[in-house]
N, C-alpha and C. Protein backbone atom coordinates (compact mmCIF):
# COMPACT_ATOMS: atom_id res chain seq x y z
N MET A 1 43.51 31.83 -20.39
CA MET A 1 42.20 31.26 -20.08
C MET A 1 41.13 32.00 -20.87
N PRO A 2 40.12 31.28 -21.32
CA PRO A 2 39.06 31.97 -22.03
C PRO A 2 38.27 32.86 -21.07
N ASN A 3 37.67 33.85 -21.65
CA ASN A 3 36.88 34.77 -20.82
C ASN A 3 35.47 34.26 -20.66
N GLY A 4 34.92 34.52 -19.50
CA GLY A 4 33.54 34.15 -19.22
C GLY A 4 32.61 35.29 -19.59
N PRO A 5 31.40 35.30 -19.07
CA PRO A 5 30.45 36.35 -19.36
C PRO A 5 30.99 37.71 -18.94
N MET A 6 30.68 38.71 -19.69
CA MET A 6 31.05 40.09 -19.38
C MET A 6 32.57 40.28 -19.35
N GLY A 7 33.32 39.40 -20.07
CA GLY A 7 34.76 39.55 -20.14
C GLY A 7 35.51 39.13 -18.89
N GLU A 8 34.81 38.55 -17.92
CA GLU A 8 35.46 38.12 -16.69
C GLU A 8 36.25 36.85 -16.96
N PRO A 9 37.41 36.69 -16.30
CA PRO A 9 38.15 35.44 -16.48
C PRO A 9 37.34 34.26 -15.99
N GLN A 10 37.37 33.18 -16.76
CA GLN A 10 36.63 31.98 -16.38
C GLN A 10 37.52 31.12 -15.50
N MET A 11 36.98 30.68 -14.36
CA MET A 11 37.76 29.85 -13.45
C MET A 11 37.81 28.43 -13.99
N GLY A 12 38.98 27.81 -13.92
CA GLY A 12 39.11 26.42 -14.31
C GLY A 12 39.12 25.56 -13.05
N PHE A 13 38.22 24.60 -13.00
CA PHE A 13 38.14 23.73 -11.84
C PHE A 13 38.85 22.43 -12.15
N GLN A 14 39.64 21.94 -11.21
CA GLN A 14 40.46 20.77 -11.46
C GLN A 14 39.64 19.53 -11.82
N GLN A 15 38.52 19.35 -11.20
CA GLN A 15 37.74 18.13 -11.43
C GLN A 15 37.02 18.16 -12.76
N ASP A 16 36.87 19.32 -13.38
CA ASP A 16 36.10 19.41 -14.62
C ASP A 16 36.75 18.62 -15.75
N GLY A 17 38.07 18.53 -15.78
CA GLY A 17 38.74 17.74 -16.81
C GLY A 17 38.38 16.27 -16.70
N GLN A 18 38.40 15.75 -15.49
CA GLN A 18 38.04 14.35 -15.29
C GLN A 18 36.56 14.11 -15.60
N LEU A 19 35.71 15.00 -15.16
CA LEU A 19 34.28 14.85 -15.43
C LEU A 19 34.01 14.90 -16.93
N GLN A 20 34.68 15.79 -17.64
CA GLN A 20 34.50 15.91 -19.08
C GLN A 20 34.93 14.63 -19.79
N GLN A 21 36.05 14.05 -19.38
CA GLN A 21 36.51 12.79 -19.97
C GLN A 21 35.51 11.68 -19.73
N LEU A 22 35.02 11.57 -18.51
CA LEU A 22 34.04 10.53 -18.19
C LEU A 22 32.77 10.71 -19.01
N ARG A 23 32.33 11.94 -19.16
CA ARG A 23 31.11 12.22 -19.94
C ARG A 23 31.31 11.89 -21.41
N GLU A 24 32.42 12.34 -21.99
CA GLU A 24 32.68 12.10 -23.41
C GLU A 24 32.86 10.63 -23.74
N GLN A 25 33.52 9.90 -22.85
CA GLN A 25 33.78 8.48 -23.09
C GLN A 25 32.58 7.61 -22.71
N GLY A 26 31.61 8.16 -22.01
CA GLY A 26 30.45 7.39 -21.60
C GLY A 26 30.78 6.30 -20.61
N ARG A 27 31.85 6.51 -19.83
CA ARG A 27 32.29 5.50 -18.86
C ARG A 27 31.41 5.51 -17.61
N ASP A 28 31.21 4.33 -17.06
CA ASP A 28 30.52 4.23 -15.78
C ASP A 28 31.45 4.73 -14.69
N CYS A 29 30.86 5.32 -13.67
CA CYS A 29 31.65 5.80 -12.53
C CYS A 29 30.79 5.72 -11.28
N THR A 30 31.47 5.93 -10.16
CA THR A 30 30.79 5.97 -8.88
C THR A 30 31.11 7.31 -8.24
N VAL A 31 30.05 8.03 -7.86
CA VAL A 31 30.21 9.30 -7.15
C VAL A 31 29.90 9.01 -5.68
N ILE A 32 30.86 9.30 -4.81
CA ILE A 32 30.69 9.06 -3.38
C ILE A 32 30.54 10.42 -2.71
N THR A 33 29.47 10.59 -1.95
CA THR A 33 29.21 11.86 -1.28
C THR A 33 29.86 11.88 0.10
N VAL A 34 29.90 13.06 0.70
CA VAL A 34 30.53 13.21 2.01
C VAL A 34 29.82 12.41 3.09
N ASN A 35 28.53 12.11 2.89
CA ASN A 35 27.83 11.31 3.90
C ASN A 35 27.87 9.81 3.58
N GLY A 36 28.65 9.43 2.55
CA GLY A 36 28.87 8.02 2.26
C GLY A 36 27.96 7.41 1.21
N ALA A 37 27.00 8.16 0.68
CA ALA A 37 26.12 7.63 -0.35
C ALA A 37 26.91 7.39 -1.62
N ARG A 38 26.60 6.29 -2.30
CA ARG A 38 27.27 5.95 -3.56
C ARG A 38 26.25 6.00 -4.69
N ILE A 39 26.55 6.77 -5.71
CA ILE A 39 25.68 6.87 -6.88
C ILE A 39 26.49 6.35 -8.06
N GLN A 40 26.01 5.27 -8.68
CA GLN A 40 26.71 4.66 -9.80
C GLN A 40 25.97 4.96 -11.08
N GLY A 41 26.71 5.29 -12.11
CA GLY A 41 26.12 5.54 -13.41
C GLY A 41 27.07 6.28 -14.31
N LYS A 42 26.51 6.99 -15.28
CA LYS A 42 27.29 7.76 -16.24
C LYS A 42 27.08 9.25 -16.00
N ILE A 43 28.15 10.02 -16.12
CA ILE A 43 28.04 11.48 -16.02
C ILE A 43 27.29 11.96 -17.24
N GLU A 44 26.17 12.59 -17.03
CA GLU A 44 25.38 13.09 -18.15
C GLU A 44 25.67 14.56 -18.40
N ALA A 45 25.87 15.32 -17.34
CA ALA A 45 26.15 16.75 -17.48
C ALA A 45 26.73 17.25 -16.17
N PHE A 46 27.37 18.41 -16.24
CA PHE A 46 27.88 19.06 -15.03
C PHE A 46 28.08 20.53 -15.34
N ASP A 47 28.08 21.32 -14.29
CA ASP A 47 28.43 22.72 -14.41
C ASP A 47 29.23 23.11 -13.18
N ARG A 48 29.26 24.37 -12.90
CA ARG A 48 30.09 24.86 -11.80
C ARG A 48 29.65 24.32 -10.43
N PHE A 49 28.36 24.01 -10.29
CA PHE A 49 27.83 23.66 -8.98
C PHE A 49 27.30 22.23 -8.84
N VAL A 50 26.90 21.60 -9.94
CA VAL A 50 26.23 20.30 -9.84
C VAL A 50 26.78 19.29 -10.86
N ILE A 51 26.52 18.01 -10.58
CA ILE A 51 26.81 16.91 -11.49
C ILE A 51 25.51 16.13 -11.67
N VAL A 52 25.19 15.79 -12.91
CA VAL A 52 24.01 14.97 -13.19
C VAL A 52 24.51 13.59 -13.60
N VAL A 53 24.05 12.56 -12.87
CA VAL A 53 24.45 11.18 -13.13
C VAL A 53 23.20 10.40 -13.53
N ARG A 54 23.29 9.66 -14.65
CA ARG A 54 22.19 8.78 -15.06
C ARG A 54 22.54 7.37 -14.61
N THR A 55 21.67 6.79 -13.79
CA THR A 55 21.90 5.46 -13.25
C THR A 55 21.52 4.40 -14.27
N SER A 56 21.91 3.16 -14.00
CA SER A 56 21.58 2.06 -14.91
C SER A 56 20.07 1.82 -14.99
N ALA A 57 19.34 2.27 -13.97
CA ALA A 57 17.88 2.13 -13.97
C ALA A 57 17.22 3.24 -14.80
N GLY A 58 18.04 4.17 -15.35
CA GLY A 58 17.51 5.22 -16.20
C GLY A 58 17.10 6.49 -15.45
N LYS A 59 17.34 6.53 -14.16
CA LYS A 59 16.99 7.71 -13.37
C LYS A 59 18.15 8.68 -13.33
N GLN A 60 17.83 9.96 -13.22
CA GLN A 60 18.86 10.98 -13.09
C GLN A 60 19.02 11.37 -11.63
N SER A 61 20.27 11.56 -11.22
CA SER A 61 20.56 12.08 -9.89
C SER A 61 21.32 13.37 -10.04
N LEU A 62 20.84 14.42 -9.40
CA LEU A 62 21.52 15.70 -9.38
C LEU A 62 22.27 15.80 -8.07
N ILE A 63 23.59 15.98 -8.16
CA ILE A 63 24.43 15.99 -6.96
C ILE A 63 25.17 17.31 -6.91
N TYR A 64 25.06 18.01 -5.80
CA TYR A 64 25.81 19.25 -5.63
C TYR A 64 27.28 18.91 -5.44
N LYS A 65 28.15 19.64 -6.13
CA LYS A 65 29.58 19.36 -6.05
C LYS A 65 30.13 19.51 -4.63
N HIS A 66 29.56 20.43 -3.85
CA HIS A 66 30.09 20.58 -2.50
C HIS A 66 29.81 19.36 -1.63
N ALA A 67 28.90 18.49 -2.08
CA ALA A 67 28.58 17.27 -1.33
C ALA A 67 29.38 16.07 -1.83
N VAL A 68 30.21 16.25 -2.86
CA VAL A 68 30.97 15.13 -3.43
C VAL A 68 32.28 14.97 -2.70
N SER A 69 32.54 13.74 -2.29
CA SER A 69 33.83 13.40 -1.69
C SER A 69 34.78 12.87 -2.75
N THR A 70 34.30 11.91 -3.57
CA THR A 70 35.15 11.23 -4.51
C THR A 70 34.37 10.85 -5.76
N VAL A 71 35.06 10.91 -6.91
CA VAL A 71 34.50 10.37 -8.17
C VAL A 71 35.50 9.33 -8.64
N VAL A 72 35.01 8.10 -8.81
CA VAL A 72 35.87 6.99 -9.21
C VAL A 72 35.36 6.41 -10.52
N ALA A 73 36.25 6.37 -11.53
CA ALA A 73 35.88 5.73 -12.79
C ALA A 73 35.91 4.22 -12.58
N ASP A 74 34.85 3.54 -13.01
CA ASP A 74 34.82 2.08 -12.90
C ASP A 74 35.82 1.49 -13.88
N SER A 75 36.43 0.39 -13.51
CA SER A 75 37.45 -0.23 -14.36
C SER A 75 36.80 -0.76 -15.64
N ALA A 76 37.55 -0.64 -16.74
CA ALA A 76 37.05 -1.14 -18.03
C ALA A 76 37.02 -2.66 -18.00
N LYS A 77 35.97 -3.21 -18.56
CA LYS A 77 35.82 -4.69 -18.54
C LYS A 77 35.96 -5.23 -19.93
């Protein structure tokens, strides 16, 4: 694993691979939070704690990862 700041091992998070693919491909997806809210759009950015989704209306939503229940890639049309 690559080293993080100060030579510390960098943790690999399982969902980061999927988020990276969605971001690179520019695919639409739906992020469902633990309270049932659905945010539809494209993954614009993410880090260890948050995901930024740009909606079709052009607005950005910042979602804390601890509040995410599910990320679903929309089917290709």
